């Protein structure tokens, strides 16, 4: 039974987190950039679940390997749940982390702290390839997918704090810890983050498929 897991991401920060959280499974974890033929998948689904499942299916069908994919959204209550599924590209197609944070803080200018509540939601999809034959569309359809969710609740500060993490981490405040996600050590973040919780929920499925 294979113990190789493909992660449908080219984000090195995300790969590092996934490897750390899944270290106890003793898997060989490789990113999409390390797999010949792994496609760049357009995230055009209307929700996190659809994007995660699509990425997992496409990369599994292309590589023939068990594949894990995630999609994560920041949901801010004062913004009606935005940016949500658009979180990674909220400030535009070529935006970076700083651009997204700047837009978020502009949108929340003047909103008092009690109303700046928010949550991160992460959906992990695990895709197991089906029959190897047929064209690409048939291989995508043959993949078996399970979905697993993790979330963390907090609020949005009015200025970044901390130098760790990535994305919106510097402005996402964790009241119970008195820190932003960017102020946590990697080991602390891997215990409490939305992605860590989703990965923990996915471990039984990974064990059943890969038998590490």
N, C-alpha and C. Protein backbone atom coordinates (compact mmCIF):
# COMPACT_ATOMS: atom_id res chain seq x y z
N UNK A 1 0.85 -1.19 0.00
CA UNK A 1 0.00 0.00 0.00
C UNK A 1 0.89 1.24 0.00
N UNK A 2 0.59 2.19 -0.88
CA UNK A 2 1.40 3.39 -1.00
C UNK A 2 1.29 4.26 0.26
N UNK A 3 2.39 4.90 0.62
CA UNK A 3 2.36 5.89 1.69
C UNK A 3 2.74 7.26 1.14
N UNK A 4 2.54 7.48 -0.15
CA UNK A 4 2.85 8.75 -0.79
C UNK A 4 1.58 9.57 -0.93
N UNK A 5 1.63 10.78 -0.43
CA UNK A 5 0.48 11.69 -0.49
C UNK A 5 0.86 12.92 -1.30
N UNK A 6 0.06 13.22 -2.30
CA UNK A 6 0.27 14.42 -3.12
C UNK A 6 -0.60 15.53 -2.53
N UNK A 7 0.00 16.70 -2.35
CA UNK A 7 -0.74 17.87 -1.89
C UNK A 7 -0.92 18.80 -3.08
N UNK A 8 -2.17 19.12 -3.38
CA UNK A 8 -2.49 19.93 -4.56
C UNK A 8 -2.24 21.40 -4.26
N UNK A 9 -1.00 21.73 -3.97
CA UNK A 9 -0.63 23.11 -3.67
C UNK A 9 0.81 23.35 -4.08
N UNK A 10 1.09 24.57 -4.47
CA UNK A 10 2.45 25.01 -4.74
C UNK A 10 2.91 26.07 -3.74
N UNK A 11 2.15 26.21 -2.67
CA UNK A 11 2.45 27.18 -1.62
C UNK A 11 3.38 26.53 -0.60
N UNK A 12 4.64 26.97 -0.50
CA UNK A 12 5.58 26.30 0.42
C UNK A 12 5.19 26.45 1.87
N UNK A 13 4.55 27.56 2.26
CA UNK A 13 4.12 27.74 3.65
C UNK A 13 3.05 26.69 4.00
N UNK A 14 2.12 26.49 3.09
CA UNK A 14 1.06 25.52 3.32
C UNK A 14 1.63 24.11 3.40
N UNK A 15 2.56 23.79 2.51
CA UNK A 15 3.17 22.46 2.53
C UNK A 15 3.89 22.20 3.85
N UNK A 16 4.59 23.20 4.35
CA UNK A 16 5.29 23.05 5.63
C UNK A 16 4.31 22.75 6.75
N UNK A 17 3.18 23.47 6.78
CA UNK A 17 2.18 23.23 7.82
C UNK A 17 1.61 21.82 7.72
N UNK A 18 1.28 21.40 6.51
CA UNK A 18 0.68 20.08 6.32
C UNK A 18 1.66 18.99 6.72
N UNK A 19 2.91 19.13 6.33
CA UNK A 19 3.91 18.12 6.71
C UNK A 19 4.06 18.04 8.23
N UNK A 20 4.04 19.19 8.90
CA UNK A 20 4.19 19.20 10.35
C UNK A 20 3.00 18.53 11.04
N UNK A 21 1.78 18.87 10.61
CA UNK A 21 0.59 18.32 11.27
C UNK A 21 0.44 16.83 11.01
N UNK A 22 0.86 16.37 9.83
CA UNK A 22 0.72 14.96 9.47
C UNK A 22 1.99 14.15 9.73
N UNK A 23 2.94 14.72 10.47
CA UNK A 23 4.23 14.05 10.69
C UNK A 23 4.05 12.69 11.35
N UNK A 24 3.05 12.54 12.19
CA UNK A 24 2.87 11.26 12.90
C UNK A 24 2.40 10.14 11.99
N UNK A 25 1.98 10.46 10.76
CA UNK A 25 1.54 9.42 9.83
C UNK A 25 2.68 8.83 9.01
N UNK A 26 3.86 9.41 9.10
CA UNK A 26 5.04 8.88 8.40
C UNK A 26 4.79 8.72 6.90
N UNK A 27 4.20 9.75 6.30
CA UNK A 27 3.93 9.73 4.87
C UNK A 27 5.03 10.45 4.10
N UNK A 28 5.20 10.07 2.84
CA UNK A 28 6.00 10.86 1.92
C UNK A 28 5.04 11.89 1.32
N UNK A 29 5.20 13.15 1.69
CA UNK A 29 4.29 14.21 1.25
C UNK A 29 4.98 15.07 0.22
N UNK A 30 4.41 15.14 -0.97
CA UNK A 30 5.00 15.92 -2.06
C UNK A 30 4.00 16.93 -2.55
N UNK A 31 4.49 18.08 -3.00
CA UNK A 31 3.63 19.12 -3.53
C UNK A 31 3.37 18.93 -5.02
N UNK A 32 2.40 19.67 -5.53
CA UNK A 32 2.06 19.58 -6.94
C UNK A 32 3.24 19.93 -7.83
N UNK A 33 4.09 20.85 -7.38
CA UNK A 33 5.24 21.25 -8.19
C UNK A 33 6.24 20.12 -8.38
N UNK A 34 6.19 19.11 -7.52
CA UNK A 34 7.11 17.98 -7.60
C UNK A 34 6.56 16.83 -8.43
N UNK A 35 5.37 17.00 -8.98
CA UNK A 35 4.71 15.91 -9.72
C UNK A 35 4.54 16.30 -11.18
N UNK A 36 5.13 15.54 -12.07
CA UNK A 36 4.98 15.80 -13.51
C UNK A 36 3.51 15.71 -13.90
N UNK A 37 3.05 16.68 -14.62
CA UNK A 37 1.68 16.66 -15.13
C UNK A 37 0.62 17.15 -14.19
N UNK A 38 1.01 17.54 -12.96
CA UNK A 38 -0.01 18.07 -12.03
C UNK A 38 -0.51 19.41 -12.55
N UNK A 39 -1.80 19.56 -12.77
CA UNK A 39 -2.31 20.78 -13.40
C UNK A 39 -2.46 21.93 -12.41
N UNK A 40 -2.43 23.14 -12.94
CA UNK A 40 -2.88 24.32 -12.20
C UNK A 40 -4.41 24.32 -12.29
N UNK A 41 -5.08 24.30 -11.18
CA UNK A 41 -6.53 24.15 -11.17
C UNK A 41 -7.18 25.50 -10.84
N UNK A 42 -8.08 25.95 -11.71
CA UNK A 42 -8.78 27.20 -11.46
C UNK A 42 -9.80 27.01 -10.35
N UNK A 43 -9.75 27.88 -9.35
CA UNK A 43 -10.68 27.80 -8.23
C UNK A 43 -11.93 28.61 -8.56
N UNK A 44 -12.85 28.00 -9.28
CA UNK A 44 -14.02 28.72 -9.77
C UNK A 44 -15.33 28.21 -9.17
N UNK A 45 -15.24 27.38 -8.13
CA UNK A 45 -16.45 26.89 -7.48
C UNK A 45 -17.03 28.00 -6.59
N UNK A 46 -18.33 27.93 -6.30
CA UNK A 46 -18.95 28.98 -5.48
C UNK A 46 -18.70 28.84 -3.99
N UNK A 47 -18.06 27.74 -3.57
CA UNK A 47 -17.83 27.55 -2.14
C UNK A 47 -16.51 26.82 -1.92
N UNK A 48 -16.06 26.81 -0.66
CA UNK A 48 -14.79 26.19 -0.31
C UNK A 48 -14.80 24.70 -0.61
N UNK A 49 -15.92 24.04 -0.33
CA UNK A 49 -16.03 22.61 -0.55
C UNK A 49 -15.81 22.25 -2.01
N UNK A 50 -16.42 23.03 -2.90
CA UNK A 50 -16.29 22.76 -4.32
C UNK A 50 -14.88 22.95 -4.83
N UNK A 51 -14.21 24.01 -4.37
CA UNK A 51 -12.83 24.26 -4.79
C UNK A 51 -11.89 23.16 -4.29
N UNK A 52 -12.02 22.78 -3.03
CA UNK A 52 -11.14 21.75 -2.48
C UNK A 52 -11.33 20.42 -3.21
N UNK A 53 -12.59 20.05 -3.44
CA UNK A 53 -12.86 18.79 -4.13
C UNK A 53 -12.35 18.81 -5.56
N UNK A 54 -12.53 19.93 -6.25
CA UNK A 54 -12.07 20.02 -7.64
C UNK A 54 -10.55 19.87 -7.71
N UNK A 55 -9.82 20.59 -6.86
CA UNK A 55 -8.36 20.50 -6.89
C UNK A 55 -7.90 19.09 -6.58
N UNK A 56 -8.51 18.45 -5.58
CA UNK A 56 -8.10 17.10 -5.22
C UNK A 56 -8.37 16.11 -6.35
N UNK A 57 -9.54 16.20 -6.96
CA UNK A 57 -9.89 15.28 -8.05
C UNK A 57 -8.96 15.45 -9.25
N UNK A 58 -8.74 16.69 -9.65
CA UNK A 58 -7.94 16.94 -10.86
C UNK A 58 -6.49 16.47 -10.67
N UNK A 59 -5.92 16.79 -9.53
CA UNK A 59 -4.52 16.39 -9.32
C UNK A 59 -4.40 14.88 -9.12
N UNK A 60 -5.36 14.27 -8.45
CA UNK A 60 -5.34 12.82 -8.31
C UNK A 60 -5.47 12.13 -9.66
N UNK A 61 -6.37 12.65 -10.51
CA UNK A 61 -6.56 12.06 -11.84
C UNK A 61 -5.31 12.22 -12.70
N UNK A 62 -4.60 13.33 -12.55
CA UNK A 62 -3.41 13.60 -13.37
C UNK A 62 -2.19 12.81 -12.89
N UNK A 63 -2.06 12.64 -11.57
CA UNK A 63 -0.85 12.00 -11.02
C UNK A 63 -1.04 10.54 -10.68
N UNK A 64 -2.29 10.11 -10.53
CA UNK A 64 -2.54 8.73 -10.14
C UNK A 64 -2.29 8.46 -8.67
N UNK A 65 -2.08 9.53 -7.88
CA UNK A 65 -1.79 9.37 -6.47
C UNK A 65 -2.90 9.89 -5.58
N UNK A 66 -2.98 9.34 -4.37
CA UNK A 66 -3.91 9.89 -3.38
C UNK A 66 -3.53 11.36 -3.15
N UNK A 67 -4.53 12.23 -3.21
CA UNK A 67 -4.26 13.67 -3.20
C UNK A 67 -5.08 14.37 -2.13
N UNK A 68 -4.42 15.30 -1.46
CA UNK A 68 -5.07 16.17 -0.48
C UNK A 68 -5.06 17.59 -1.01
N UNK A 69 -6.19 18.24 -0.91
CA UNK A 69 -6.30 19.65 -1.32
C UNK A 69 -7.09 20.38 -0.27
N UNK A 70 -6.86 21.68 -0.16
CA UNK A 70 -7.64 22.46 0.77
C UNK A 70 -8.09 23.76 0.13
N UNK A 71 -9.15 24.31 0.67
CA UNK A 71 -9.51 25.69 0.36
C UNK A 71 -9.92 26.32 1.67
N UNK A 72 -9.47 27.55 1.87
CA UNK A 72 -9.64 28.23 3.14
C UNK A 72 -10.26 29.59 2.90
N UNK A 73 -11.16 29.97 3.77
CA UNK A 73 -11.79 31.28 3.65
C UNK A 73 -11.84 32.00 4.98
N UNK A 74 -11.64 33.31 4.94
CA UNK A 74 -11.83 34.17 6.09
C UNK A 74 -13.23 34.76 5.98
N UNK A 75 -14.03 34.57 7.01
CA UNK A 75 -15.41 35.07 7.00
C UNK A 75 -15.55 36.13 8.09
N UNK A 76 -15.79 37.38 7.68
CA UNK A 76 -15.88 38.50 8.61
C UNK A 76 -17.35 38.89 8.75
N UNK A 77 -17.86 38.86 9.95
CA UNK A 77 -19.29 39.08 10.16
C UNK A 77 -19.73 40.47 9.72
N UNK A 78 -18.93 41.50 10.00
CA UNK A 78 -19.32 42.87 9.63
C UNK A 78 -19.34 43.08 8.13
N UNK A 79 -18.73 42.15 7.38
CA UNK A 79 -18.71 42.23 5.92
C UNK A 79 -19.64 41.20 5.29
N UNK A 80 -20.57 40.69 6.07
CA UNK A 80 -21.53 39.73 5.54
C UNK A 80 -20.91 38.40 5.17
N UNK A 81 -19.79 38.03 5.82
CA UNK A 81 -19.12 36.77 5.52
C UNK A 81 -18.00 36.88 4.51
N UNK A 82 -17.81 38.06 3.92
CA UNK A 82 -16.70 38.27 2.98
C UNK A 82 -15.38 38.32 3.77
N UNK A 83 -14.27 38.03 3.10
CA UNK A 83 -14.12 37.67 1.68
C UNK A 83 -14.47 36.22 1.35
N UNK A 84 -14.59 35.34 2.34
CA UNK A 84 -15.04 33.98 2.09
C UNK A 84 -14.24 33.24 1.05
N UNK A 85 -14.94 32.70 0.06
CA UNK A 85 -14.29 31.89 -0.96
C UNK A 85 -13.31 32.69 -1.81
N UNK A 86 -13.42 34.01 -1.77
CA UNK A 86 -12.51 34.88 -2.54
C UNK A 86 -11.30 35.33 -1.73
N UNK A 87 -11.08 34.78 -0.56
CA UNK A 87 -10.07 35.29 0.36
C UNK A 87 -8.69 35.42 -0.26
N UNK A 88 -8.24 34.42 -1.01
CA UNK A 88 -6.87 34.43 -1.53
C UNK A 88 -6.66 35.48 -2.61
N UNK A 89 -7.72 35.91 -3.27
CA UNK A 89 -7.58 36.84 -4.39
C UNK A 89 -8.51 38.03 -4.24
N UNK A 90 -8.79 38.41 -3.00
CA UNK A 90 -9.80 39.44 -2.74
C UNK A 90 -9.39 40.79 -3.31
N UNK A 91 -8.11 41.11 -3.25
CA UNK A 91 -7.65 42.43 -3.72
C UNK A 91 -7.35 42.45 -5.22
N UNK A 92 -7.60 41.35 -5.92
CA UNK A 92 -7.36 41.31 -7.36
C UNK A 92 -6.57 40.09 -7.77
N UNK A 93 -6.54 39.78 -9.07
CA UNK A 93 -5.93 38.54 -9.54
C UNK A 93 -4.44 38.41 -9.24
N UNK A 94 -3.71 39.51 -9.20
CA UNK A 94 -2.27 39.46 -8.96
C UNK A 94 -1.90 39.93 -7.55
N UNK A 95 -2.85 39.90 -6.63
CA UNK A 95 -2.61 40.45 -5.30
C UNK A 95 -1.70 39.55 -4.48
N UNK A 96 -1.11 40.15 -3.44
CA UNK A 96 -0.31 39.38 -2.49
C UNK A 96 -0.95 39.50 -1.11
N UNK A 97 -0.29 38.88 -0.11
CA UNK A 97 -0.87 38.88 1.23
C UNK A 97 -1.09 40.30 1.74
N UNK A 98 -0.11 41.17 1.55
CA UNK A 98 -0.21 42.55 2.05
C UNK A 98 -1.37 43.29 1.39
N UNK A 99 -1.59 43.06 0.10
CA UNK A 99 -2.71 43.70 -0.61
C UNK A 99 -4.05 43.29 0.01
N UNK A 100 -4.19 42.00 0.29
CA UNK A 100 -5.44 41.51 0.86
C UNK A 100 -5.69 42.09 2.26
N UNK A 101 -4.64 42.15 3.07
CA UNK A 101 -4.78 42.72 4.41
C UNK A 101 -5.16 44.20 4.32
N UNK A 102 -4.50 44.92 3.42
CA UNK A 102 -4.80 46.35 3.27
C UNK A 102 -6.26 46.56 2.88
N UNK A 103 -6.77 45.75 1.97
CA UNK A 103 -8.18 45.89 1.58
C UNK A 103 -9.09 45.57 2.75
N UNK A 104 -8.77 44.51 3.50
CA UNK A 104 -9.59 44.14 4.65
C UNK A 104 -9.67 45.27 5.67
N UNK A 105 -8.53 45.89 5.97
CA UNK A 105 -8.52 46.96 6.96
C UNK A 105 -9.26 48.19 6.44
N UNK A 106 -9.19 48.46 5.15
CA UNK A 106 -9.97 49.57 4.58
C UNK A 106 -11.47 49.31 4.73
N UNK A 107 -11.87 48.08 4.43
CA UNK A 107 -13.29 47.74 4.50
C UNK A 107 -13.82 47.83 5.93
N UNK A 108 -12.95 47.60 6.91
CA UNK A 108 -13.37 47.60 8.32
C UNK A 108 -13.06 48.91 9.03
N UNK A 109 -12.57 49.90 8.30
CA UNK A 109 -12.25 51.19 8.92
C UNK A 109 -13.48 51.75 9.64
N UNK A 110 -13.30 52.10 10.91
CA UNK A 110 -14.39 52.65 11.69
C UNK A 110 -15.29 51.64 12.36
N UNK A 111 -15.12 50.36 12.06
CA UNK A 111 -15.93 49.32 12.71
C UNK A 111 -15.33 49.02 14.08
N UNK A 112 -16.11 49.14 15.15
CA UNK A 112 -15.55 48.92 16.49
C UNK A 112 -15.18 47.46 16.74
N UNK A 113 -14.27 47.27 17.67
CA UNK A 113 -13.73 45.93 17.95
C UNK A 113 -14.80 44.87 18.21
N UNK A 114 -15.86 45.17 18.98
CA UNK A 114 -16.86 44.12 19.24
C UNK A 114 -17.56 43.61 17.99
N UNK A 115 -17.54 44.41 16.92
CA UNK A 115 -18.21 44.00 15.69
C UNK A 115 -17.24 43.44 14.65
N UNK A 116 -15.98 43.26 15.02
CA UNK A 116 -14.98 42.76 14.06
C UNK A 116 -14.76 41.25 14.21
N UNK A 117 -15.79 40.54 14.63
CA UNK A 117 -15.70 39.09 14.79
C UNK A 117 -15.53 38.40 13.44
N UNK A 118 -14.81 37.30 13.45
CA UNK A 118 -14.51 36.59 12.19
C UNK A 118 -14.13 35.16 12.50
N UNK A 119 -14.05 34.38 11.45
CA UNK A 119 -13.59 33.00 11.59
C UNK A 119 -12.84 32.60 10.33
N UNK A 120 -11.92 31.68 10.50
CA UNK A 120 -11.30 31.00 9.38
C UNK A 120 -11.95 29.64 9.26
N UNK A 121 -12.34 29.27 8.05
CA UNK A 121 -12.82 27.92 7.76
C UNK A 121 -11.89 27.28 6.75
N UNK A 122 -11.51 26.04 7.00
CA UNK A 122 -10.68 25.28 6.07
C UNK A 122 -11.39 23.98 5.73
N UNK A 123 -11.49 23.70 4.45
CA UNK A 123 -12.03 22.43 3.97
C UNK A 123 -10.89 21.62 3.36
N UNK A 124 -10.67 20.43 3.87
CA UNK A 124 -9.70 19.49 3.31
C UNK A 124 -10.45 18.45 2.49
N UNK A 125 -10.03 18.24 1.27
CA UNK A 125 -10.56 17.17 0.42
C UNK A 125 -9.48 16.12 0.23
N UNK A 126 -9.84 14.87 0.39
CA UNK A 126 -8.93 13.75 0.14
C UNK A 126 -9.50 12.96 -1.02
N UNK A 127 -8.74 12.85 -2.11
CA UNK A 127 -9.20 12.15 -3.31
C UNK A 127 -8.39 10.89 -3.54
N UNK A 128 -9.08 9.79 -3.71
CA UNK A 128 -8.46 8.51 -4.02
C UNK A 128 -8.77 8.18 -5.48
N UNK A 129 -7.74 8.00 -6.32
CA UNK A 129 -8.01 7.71 -7.74
C UNK A 129 -8.82 6.44 -7.90
N UNK A 130 -9.66 6.45 -8.94
CA UNK A 130 -10.42 5.25 -9.28
C UNK A 130 -9.73 4.49 -10.39
N UNK A 131 -10.51 4.04 -11.36
CA UNK A 131 -9.96 3.28 -12.48
C UNK A 131 -8.96 4.14 -13.25
N UNK A 132 -7.86 3.51 -13.68
CA UNK A 132 -6.80 4.25 -14.36
C UNK A 132 -7.11 4.53 -15.82
N UNK A 133 -8.03 3.79 -16.41
CA UNK A 133 -8.30 3.94 -17.84
C UNK A 133 -9.18 5.14 -18.14
N UNK A 134 -9.43 5.36 -19.43
CA UNK A 134 -10.31 6.42 -19.87
C UNK A 134 -9.59 7.75 -20.02
N UNK A 135 -10.33 8.74 -20.50
CA UNK A 135 -9.73 10.05 -20.67
C UNK A 135 -9.69 10.77 -19.32
N UNK A 136 -9.15 11.99 -19.35
CA UNK A 136 -8.94 12.72 -18.11
C UNK A 136 -10.27 12.96 -17.37
N UNK A 137 -11.30 13.37 -18.10
CA UNK A 137 -12.59 13.63 -17.47
C UNK A 137 -13.13 12.38 -16.78
N UNK A 138 -12.94 11.24 -17.41
CA UNK A 138 -13.41 9.99 -16.80
C UNK A 138 -12.62 9.66 -15.53
N UNK A 139 -11.31 9.93 -15.56
CA UNK A 139 -10.50 9.67 -14.37
C UNK A 139 -10.88 10.62 -13.23
N UNK A 140 -11.19 11.87 -13.58
CA UNK A 140 -11.64 12.83 -12.56
C UNK A 140 -12.94 12.33 -11.92
N UNK A 141 -13.88 11.91 -12.76
CA UNK A 141 -15.18 11.45 -12.25
C UNK A 141 -15.05 10.20 -11.40
N UNK A 142 -14.02 9.39 -11.66
CA UNK A 142 -13.86 8.13 -10.94
C UNK A 142 -13.23 8.29 -9.56
N UNK A 143 -12.68 9.48 -9.27
CA UNK A 143 -12.04 9.69 -7.97
C UNK A 143 -13.08 9.69 -6.85
N UNK A 144 -12.72 9.07 -5.75
CA UNK A 144 -13.57 9.09 -4.56
C UNK A 144 -13.05 10.17 -3.62
N UNK A 145 -13.93 11.04 -3.16
CA UNK A 145 -13.52 12.22 -2.38
C UNK A 145 -14.25 12.26 -1.05
N UNK A 146 -13.50 12.57 0.00
CA UNK A 146 -14.11 12.86 1.30
C UNK A 146 -13.72 14.28 1.71
N UNK A 147 -14.61 14.96 2.43
CA UNK A 147 -14.40 16.35 2.85
C UNK A 147 -14.35 16.44 4.37
N UNK A 148 -13.46 17.32 4.86
CA UNK A 148 -13.24 17.45 6.30
C UNK A 148 -13.06 18.93 6.62
N UNK A 149 -13.72 19.41 7.68
CA UNK A 149 -13.72 20.84 7.99
C UNK A 149 -13.01 21.14 9.31
N UNK A 150 -12.32 22.28 9.34
CA UNK A 150 -11.78 22.83 10.56
C UNK A 150 -12.04 24.31 10.59
N UNK A 151 -12.24 24.88 11.78
CA UNK A 151 -12.49 26.31 11.88
C UNK A 151 -11.89 26.84 13.17
N UNK A 152 -11.60 28.13 13.15
CA UNK A 152 -11.13 28.82 14.34
C UNK A 152 -11.81 30.19 14.36
N UNK A 153 -12.30 30.58 15.53
CA UNK A 153 -13.03 31.84 15.68
C UNK A 153 -12.14 32.88 16.34
N UNK A 154 -12.34 34.13 15.96
CA UNK A 154 -11.56 35.22 16.52
C UNK A 154 -12.08 36.56 16.05
N UNK A 155 -11.16 37.48 15.82
CA UNK A 155 -11.56 38.81 15.36
C UNK A 155 -10.45 39.44 14.54
N UNK A 156 -10.75 40.57 13.95
CA UNK A 156 -9.80 41.27 13.08
C UNK A 156 -9.28 42.53 13.79
N UNK A 157 -7.97 42.64 13.96
CA UNK A 157 -7.37 43.83 14.53
C UNK A 157 -7.38 44.98 13.52
N UNK A 158 -7.01 46.17 13.99
CA UNK A 158 -6.96 47.31 13.08
C UNK A 158 -5.57 47.55 12.51
N UNK A 159 -4.59 46.68 12.88
CA UNK A 159 -3.24 46.77 12.33
C UNK A 159 -2.56 45.41 12.51
N UNK A 160 -1.66 45.04 11.61
CA UNK A 160 -0.99 43.74 11.71
C UNK A 160 -0.11 43.63 12.95
N UNK A 161 -0.02 42.42 13.48
CA UNK A 161 0.88 42.11 14.59
C UNK A 161 1.52 40.76 14.35
N UNK A 162 2.84 40.68 14.51
CA UNK A 162 3.55 39.42 14.36
C UNK A 162 4.14 39.23 12.98
N UNK A 163 5.11 38.35 12.90
CA UNK A 163 5.84 38.15 11.64
C UNK A 163 5.79 36.70 11.15
N UNK A 164 5.03 35.86 11.80
CA UNK A 164 4.94 34.47 11.36
C UNK A 164 3.73 34.25 10.47
N UNK A 165 3.53 32.99 10.10
CA UNK A 165 2.37 32.63 9.31
C UNK A 165 2.36 33.27 7.93
N UNK A 166 1.17 33.36 7.36
CA UNK A 166 1.00 33.96 6.04
C UNK A 166 -0.46 34.34 5.87
N UNK A 167 -0.78 34.93 4.73
CA UNK A 167 -2.16 35.33 4.48
C UNK A 167 -2.62 36.40 5.46
N UNK A 168 -3.80 36.20 6.04
CA UNK A 168 -4.38 37.17 6.96
C UNK A 168 -3.92 36.96 8.41
N UNK A 169 -2.99 36.06 8.65
CA UNK A 169 -2.58 35.72 10.02
C UNK A 169 -2.21 36.93 10.87
N UNK A 170 -1.52 37.96 10.33
CA UNK A 170 -1.11 39.07 11.20
C UNK A 170 -2.26 39.92 11.76
N UNK A 171 -3.44 39.83 11.20
CA UNK A 171 -4.56 40.63 11.72
C UNK A 171 -5.66 39.76 12.34
N UNK A 172 -5.44 38.45 12.38
CA UNK A 172 -6.47 37.56 12.95
C UNK A 172 -6.16 37.31 14.41
N UNK A 173 -7.00 37.86 15.27
CA UNK A 173 -6.79 37.85 16.71
C UNK A 173 -7.49 36.65 17.36
N UNK A 174 -6.73 35.97 18.25
CA UNK A 174 -7.26 34.83 18.99
C UNK A 174 -7.45 35.26 20.44
N UNK A 175 -8.67 35.59 20.86
CA UNK A 175 -8.89 36.13 22.21
C UNK A 175 -8.40 35.21 23.32
N UNK A 176 -8.60 33.89 23.14
CA UNK A 176 -8.23 32.96 24.21
C UNK A 176 -6.72 32.88 24.42
N UNK A 177 -5.94 33.24 23.40
CA UNK A 177 -4.48 33.21 23.52
C UNK A 177 -3.88 34.60 23.66
N UNK A 178 -4.64 35.64 23.35
CA UNK A 178 -4.13 36.99 23.43
C UNK A 178 -3.06 37.27 22.40
N UNK A 179 -3.16 36.62 21.23
CA UNK A 179 -2.17 36.78 20.17
C UNK A 179 -2.87 36.69 18.82
N UNK A 180 -2.19 37.19 17.79
CA UNK A 180 -2.63 36.90 16.43
C UNK A 180 -2.05 35.55 16.00
N UNK A 181 -2.58 35.01 14.93
CA UNK A 181 -2.01 33.78 14.38
C UNK A 181 -0.55 33.97 13.99
N UNK A 182 -0.18 35.19 13.57
CA UNK A 182 1.19 35.46 13.16
C UNK A 182 2.15 35.58 14.34
N UNK A 183 1.61 35.70 15.56
CA UNK A 183 2.45 35.77 16.76
C UNK A 183 2.68 34.40 17.39
N UNK A 184 2.04 33.38 16.88
CA UNK A 184 2.21 32.03 17.42
C UNK A 184 3.47 31.39 16.84
N UNK A 185 4.09 30.52 17.62
CA UNK A 185 5.14 29.68 17.06
C UNK A 185 4.50 28.69 16.11
N UNK A 186 5.31 28.06 15.27
CA UNK A 186 4.75 27.09 14.33
C UNK A 186 4.07 25.95 15.07
N UNK A 187 4.67 25.49 16.16
CA UNK A 187 4.06 24.38 16.90
C UNK A 187 2.73 24.81 17.53
N UNK A 188 2.66 26.05 18.04
CA UNK A 188 1.39 26.55 18.59
C UNK A 188 0.33 26.63 17.51
N UNK A 189 0.70 27.18 16.36
CA UNK A 189 -0.27 27.32 15.28
C UNK A 189 -0.77 25.96 14.82
N UNK A 190 0.12 24.98 14.79
CA UNK A 190 -0.27 23.66 14.32
C UNK A 190 -1.16 22.91 15.31
N UNK A 191 -1.37 23.49 16.49
CA UNK A 191 -2.32 22.91 17.43
C UNK A 191 -3.70 23.55 17.35
N UNK A 192 -3.76 24.82 16.92
CA UNK A 192 -5.04 25.54 17.03
C UNK A 192 -5.60 26.04 15.72
N UNK A 193 -4.84 26.02 14.65
CA UNK A 193 -5.31 26.65 13.42
C UNK A 193 -6.44 25.87 12.76
N UNK A 194 -7.17 26.56 11.90
CA UNK A 194 -8.24 25.95 11.12
C UNK A 194 -7.72 24.82 10.25
N UNK A 195 -6.55 25.01 9.63
CA UNK A 195 -5.99 23.97 8.78
C UNK A 195 -5.58 22.75 9.60
N UNK A 196 -4.99 23.00 10.77
CA UNK A 196 -4.60 21.88 11.63
C UNK A 196 -5.81 21.08 12.06
N UNK A 197 -6.90 21.77 12.38
CA UNK A 197 -8.10 21.06 12.80
C UNK A 197 -8.73 20.27 11.66
N UNK A 198 -8.72 20.84 10.45
CA UNK A 198 -9.24 20.11 9.30
C UNK A 198 -8.37 18.89 8.98
N UNK A 199 -7.06 19.05 9.08
CA UNK A 199 -6.16 17.93 8.84
C UNK A 199 -6.36 16.83 9.88
N UNK A 200 -6.56 17.22 11.14
CA UNK A 200 -6.83 16.23 12.18
C UNK A 200 -8.10 15.45 11.87
N UNK A 201 -9.11 16.15 11.36
CA UNK A 201 -10.36 15.49 10.99
C UNK A 201 -10.17 14.54 9.81
N UNK A 202 -9.18 14.85 8.94
CA UNK A 202 -8.94 14.03 7.74
C UNK A 202 -8.06 12.82 8.02
N UNK A 203 -7.39 12.77 9.17
CA UNK A 203 -6.44 11.69 9.43
C UNK A 203 -7.05 10.29 9.35
N UNK A 204 -8.26 10.06 9.89
CA UNK A 204 -8.82 8.71 9.75
C UNK A 204 -8.99 8.27 8.29
N UNK A 205 -9.40 9.20 7.42
CA UNK A 205 -9.56 8.87 6.01
C UNK A 205 -8.20 8.56 5.38
N UNK A 206 -7.18 9.34 5.73
CA UNK A 206 -5.84 9.09 5.20
C UNK A 206 -5.31 7.74 5.67
N UNK A 207 -5.53 7.43 6.93
CA UNK A 207 -5.07 6.14 7.46
C UNK A 207 -5.77 4.98 6.73
N UNK A 208 -7.06 5.14 6.47
CA UNK A 208 -7.82 4.07 5.82
C UNK A 208 -7.34 3.84 4.39
N UNK A 209 -6.97 4.93 3.69
CA UNK A 209 -6.57 4.81 2.29
C UNK A 209 -5.11 4.41 2.15
N UNK A 210 -4.23 5.08 2.94
CA UNK A 210 -2.79 4.90 2.76
C UNK A 210 -2.18 3.88 3.72
N UNK A 211 -2.87 3.61 4.80
CA UNK A 211 -2.38 2.67 5.82
C UNK A 211 -0.93 2.93 6.20
N UNK A 212 -0.62 4.16 6.65
CA UNK A 212 0.77 4.46 7.01
C UNK A 212 1.20 3.70 8.26
